């Protein structure tokens, strides 16, 4: 079932805007009664050229490990999504209310290696880009010595992460969030950005610094490519289906 959440976002000029997120299979965002905007992540899914092959290799491995059960990858994938959602929820609860869930090993690892080391300002912040018409939810913001840092959390299987590392798409996603903050005139203007890859079993956290300019450029190029492909597909359809 879809849920609808509303946030007020403070702008640099002292004004504020209300961003509404509708959550279902895909998130959509509206501002001041606008048409629903897609999420930033929906614009960059095509970035990792080798993602399909990596995914197929992983699925075949999981199936073999479960007696050639072809449904096993779906179950494991669903569990991974649930673990990722749980980590985000636990971190959000800690940043906003200092709540600690000692039953989640990934969160306990995050708390030990990151959570108590930074001055957290906000988490789960809705943003939107008025020029490119997309929305998003950035994971967290911290501030040290007046320097603002944007954070993105990714849960990973330690074996898979050791073999494949992170993703270019992750960096582009961060670039999309920073671009949105700047275009909307947010009171938040991060100078730095980090992706924290948190191992699901609680075995560790890997912090990767993001090149903001490069990540923004990657996001814009990915979005332009998606729009171009969509337009070309539309042109090839018969008039009755356009």
Protein backbone atom coordinates (compact mmCIF):
# COMPACT_ATOMS: atom_id res chain seq x y z
CA UNK A 1 0.00 0.00 0.00
CA UNK A 2 1.27 3.44 -0.90
CA UNK A 3 2.06 5.87 1.90
CA UNK A 4 2.16 9.65 1.67
CA UNK A 5 4.61 11.74 3.72
CA UNK A 6 5.09 15.50 3.85
CA UNK A 7 8.16 17.55 4.79
CA UNK A 8 8.88 21.25 5.08
CA UNK A 9 12.28 22.18 3.66
CA UNK A 10 13.96 25.45 4.71
CA UNK A 11 15.48 27.51 1.91
CA UNK A 12 18.56 29.72 1.96
CA UNK A 13 16.47 32.89 1.57
CA UNK A 14 14.45 32.10 4.71
CA UNK A 15 11.38 30.81 2.89
CA UNK A 16 10.32 27.17 2.95
CA UNK A 17 8.62 24.70 0.64
CA UNK A 18 6.57 21.59 1.26
CA UNK A 19 7.63 18.40 -0.49
CA UNK A 20 5.27 15.42 -0.58
CA UNK A 21 6.58 11.89 -1.16
CA UNK A 22 4.30 9.08 -2.25
CA UNK A 23 5.87 5.70 -1.56
CA UNK A 24 4.89 2.56 -3.38
CA UNK A 25 6.90 0.36 -5.67
CA UNK A 26 8.54 3.61 -6.80
CA UNK A 27 8.75 6.93 -4.97
CA UNK A 28 7.24 10.03 -6.56
CA UNK A 29 7.45 13.61 -5.33
CA UNK A 30 5.21 16.68 -5.64
CA UNK A 31 5.80 20.32 -4.72
CA UNK A 32 3.01 22.90 -4.48
CA UNK A 33 0.54 20.67 -6.29
CA UNK A 34 2.88 19.88 -9.18
CA UNK A 35 2.63 16.83 -11.36
CA UNK A 36 4.30 13.82 -9.67
CA UNK A 37 8.05 13.83 -10.28
CA UNK A 38 10.11 10.62 -10.53
CA UNK A 39 12.86 9.83 -8.05
CA UNK A 40 16.50 10.60 -8.79
CA UNK A 41 17.35 6.90 -8.69
CA UNK A 42 14.88 6.13 -11.47
CA UNK A 43 16.92 8.31 -13.84
CA UNK A 44 20.22 6.49 -13.40
CA UNK A 45 19.42 2.78 -13.38
CA UNK A 46 21.20 2.24 -16.70
CA UNK A 47 24.61 3.55 -15.60
CA UNK A 48 26.32 0.28 -14.62
CA UNK A 49 26.84 -1.48 -17.92
CA UNK A 50 27.95 -4.70 -16.25
CA UNK A 51 25.21 -4.75 -13.64
CA UNK A 52 23.05 -7.27 -15.52
CA UNK A 53 25.85 -9.80 -15.85
CA UNK A 54 26.89 -9.33 -12.23
CA UNK A 55 23.27 -9.80 -11.18
CA UNK A 56 22.92 -12.96 -13.26
CA UNK A 57 26.11 -14.42 -11.83
CA UNK A 58 24.90 -13.67 -8.31
CA UNK A 59 21.46 -15.19 -8.96
CA UNK A 60 22.96 -18.38 -10.37
CA UNK A 61 25.32 -18.66 -7.38
CA UNK A 62 22.47 -18.23 -4.88
CA UNK A 63 20.33 -20.78 -6.72
CA UNK A 64 23.16 -23.34 -6.65
CA UNK A 65 23.78 -22.75 -2.95
CA UNK A 66 20.09 -23.47 -2.31
CA UNK A 67 19.82 -26.77 -4.17
CA UNK A 68 19.21 -25.17 -7.58
CA UNK A 69 16.12 -23.43 -6.23
CA UNK A 70 15.38 -20.76 -8.84
CA UNK A 71 13.20 -18.84 -6.36
CA UNK A 72 16.06 -18.46 -3.88
CA UNK A 73 17.50 -15.28 -5.52
CA UNK A 74 14.11 -13.57 -5.17
CA UNK A 75 13.90 -14.47 -1.49
CA UNK A 76 17.48 -13.38 -0.80
CA UNK A 77 16.98 -10.16 -2.78
CA UNK A 78 13.83 -9.35 -0.83
CA UNK A 79 15.63 -9.97 2.44
CA UNK A 80 18.46 -7.65 1.34
CA UNK A 81 15.96 -4.87 0.58
CA UNK A 82 14.30 -5.38 3.96
CA UNK A 83 17.70 -5.25 5.70
CA UNK A 84 18.55 -2.05 3.85
CA UNK A 85 15.24 -0.46 4.84
CA UNK A 86 15.77 -1.54 8.45
CA UNK A 87 19.24 0.03 8.55
CA UNK A 88 17.90 3.32 7.17
CA UNK A 89 15.09 3.31 9.74
CA UNK A 90 17.45 2.55 12.64
CA UNK A 91 19.91 5.28 11.60
CA UNK A 92 17.06 7.77 11.19
CA UNK A 93 15.78 6.92 14.68
CA UNK A 94 19.26 7.38 16.15
CA UNK A 95 19.90 10.72 14.46
CA UNK A 96 16.50 12.16 15.34
CA UNK A 97 15.84 10.59 18.74
CA UNK A 98 19.08 8.88 19.88
CA UNK A 99 17.34 5.49 19.74
CA UNK A 100 19.65 2.47 19.55
CA UNK A 101 18.59 -0.89 18.10
CA UNK A 102 21.15 -3.38 19.44
CA UNK A 103 19.39 -6.24 17.61
CA UNK A 104 20.49 -5.04 14.16
CA UNK A 105 24.17 -5.99 13.59
CA UNK A 106 24.51 -3.67 10.58
CA UNK A 107 23.26 -0.72 12.64
CA UNK A 108 25.51 -1.61 15.60
CA UNK A 109 28.50 -1.63 13.22
CA UNK A 110 27.42 1.72 11.73
CA UNK A 111 26.97 3.21 15.20
CA UNK A 112 30.42 2.09 16.35
CA UNK A 113 32.31 3.23 13.26
CA UNK A 114 30.31 6.29 12.17
CA UNK A 115 27.30 7.15 14.31
CA UNK A 116 29.04 8.55 17.37
CA UNK A 117 31.85 10.22 15.41
CA UNK A 118 29.85 12.94 13.64
CA UNK A 119 27.59 15.86 14.51
CA UNK A 120 24.32 14.96 12.78
CA UNK A 121 22.01 17.71 11.54
CA UNK A 122 19.20 15.84 9.78
CA UNK A 123 18.24 12.58 8.09
CA UNK A 124 15.81 11.26 5.47
CA UNK A 125 15.52 14.71 3.86
CA UNK A 126 13.22 15.20 0.87
CA UNK A 127 14.65 17.26 -2.01
CA UNK A 128 13.64 18.15 -5.56
CA UNK A 129 15.18 19.68 -8.66
CA UNK A 130 12.88 22.34 -10.20
CA UNK A 131 14.83 22.36 -13.48
CA UNK A 132 15.05 18.63 -14.19
CA UNK A 133 11.82 17.81 -12.35
CA UNK A 134 12.82 14.92 -10.10
CA UNK A 135 12.75 14.34 -6.37
CA UNK A 136 14.71 12.29 -3.90
CA UNK A 137 15.42 11.48 -0.28
CA UNK A 138 18.98 11.99 0.91
CA UNK A 139 20.02 9.83 3.83
CA UNK A 140 21.75 12.22 6.23
CA UNK A 141 23.65 15.47 6.75
CA UNK A 142 26.40 16.17 9.27
CA UNK A 143 28.36 19.29 10.17
CA UNK A 144 31.90 19.62 11.49
CA UNK A 145 33.61 23.01 11.92
CA UNK A 146 30.91 24.67 9.77
CA UNK A 147 31.55 22.21 6.92
CA UNK A 148 28.48 20.30 5.75
CA UNK A 149 28.71 16.67 4.57
CA UNK A 150 26.04 14.66 2.78
CA UNK A 151 25.86 10.92 3.55
CA UNK A 152 24.37 7.99 1.66
CA UNK A 153 23.95 4.53 3.25
CA UNK A 154 24.28 1.30 1.25
CA UNK A 155 23.96 -2.18 2.76
CA UNK A 156 26.17 -4.84 1.19
CA UNK A 157 26.93 -8.52 1.41
CA UNK A 158 30.62 -8.57 2.50
CA UNK A 159 31.64 -11.26 0.00
CA UNK A 160 29.96 -9.50 -2.92
CA UNK A 161 31.37 -6.12 -1.88
CA UNK A 162 34.89 -7.52 -1.59
CA UNK A 163 34.58 -8.87 -5.14
CA UNK A 164 32.78 -6.01 -6.86
CA UNK A 165 33.13 -2.93 -4.68
CA UNK A 166 30.70 -0.04 -4.97
CA UNK A 167 28.86 1.33 -7.97
CA UNK A 168 29.16 4.35 -10.24
CA UNK A 169 25.41 4.64 -9.92
CA UNK A 170 25.82 5.27 -6.18
CA UNK A 171 28.04 8.27 -6.91
CA UNK A 172 25.64 9.61 -9.53
CA UNK A 173 22.77 9.32 -7.06
CA UNK A 174 24.64 11.50 -4.57
CA UNK A 175 25.31 13.99 -7.38
CA UNK A 176 21.59 14.12 -8.08
CA UNK A 177 20.83 14.97 -4.46
CA UNK A 178 23.43 17.75 -4.29
CA UNK A 179 22.22 19.19 -7.59
CA UNK A 180 18.67 19.23 -6.23
CA UNK A 181 19.75 21.02 -3.04
CA UNK A 182 21.49 23.72 -5.05
CA UNK A 183 18.76 24.17 -7.65
CA UNK A 184 15.99 24.43 -5.06
CA UNK A 185 17.99 27.00 -3.08
CA UNK A 186 18.15 24.84 0.03
CA UNK A 187 19.57 26.11 3.29
CA UNK A 188 21.76 22.98 3.09
CA UNK A 189 24.74 23.26 0.73
CA UNK A 190 27.13 20.34 1.34
CA UNK A 191 30.82 20.85 0.65
CA UNK A 192 31.58 17.15 1.01
CA UNK A 193 29.81 13.84 0.40
CA UNK A 194 30.42 10.27 1.53
CA UNK A 195 28.92 6.88 0.73
CA UNK A 196 29.04 4.44 3.64
CA UNK A 197 28.88 0.80 2.56
CA UNK A 198 27.62 -1.08 5.62
CA UNK A 199 28.05 -4.86 5.66
CA UNK A 200 24.77 -6.60 6.45
CA UNK A 201 26.38 -9.05 8.87
CA UNK A 202 27.88 -6.25 10.95
CA UNK A 203 31.45 -7.06 9.90
CA UNK A 204 32.39 -3.51 8.98
CA UNK A 205 31.80 -0.23 7.19
CA UNK A 206 33.67 1.21 4.22
CA UNK A 207 33.45 4.99 3.76
CA UNK A 208 34.03 6.24 0.22
CA UNK A 209 34.43 9.95 -0.50
CA UNK A 210 32.43 11.28 -3.45
CA UNK A 211 33.81 13.76 -5.97
CA UNK A 212 30.89 16.18 -6.00
CA UNK A 213 31.57 17.83 -9.36
CA UNK A 214 32.15 14.50 -11.12
CA UNK A 215 29.09 12.89 -9.53
CA UNK A 216 26.85 15.79 -10.57
CA UNK A 217 28.17 15.63 -14.12
CA UNK A 218 27.54 11.88 -14.21
CA UNK A 219 23.99 12.34 -12.97
CA UNK A 220 23.20 15.00 -15.58
CA UNK A 221 24.61 12.87 -18.38
CA UNK A 222 22.68 9.82 -17.19
CA UNK A 223 19.45 11.80 -16.97
CA UNK A 224 19.98 13.27 -20.44
CA UNK A 225 20.58 9.81 -21.88
CA UNK A 226 17.41 8.44 -20.29
CA UNK A 227 15.35 11.36 -21.63
CA UNK A 228 16.85 10.89 -25.09
CA UNK A 229 16.02 7.17 -25.11
CA UNK A 230 12.47 7.89 -23.92
CA UNK A 231 12.01 10.46 -26.68
CA UNK A 232 13.37 8.12 -29.35
CA UNK A 233 11.08 5.32 -28.19
CA UNK A 234 8.15 7.70 -28.37
CA UNK A 235 9.09 8.68 -31.93
CA UNK A 236 9.13 5.02 -33.04
CA UNK A 237 5.65 4.28 -31.71
CA UNK A 238 2.70 4.38 -34.11
CA UNK A 239 0.61 7.58 -33.77
CA UNK A 240 -2.22 5.68 -32.06
CA UNK A 241 0.07 4.75 -29.14
CA UNK A 242 1.94 8.01 -28.59
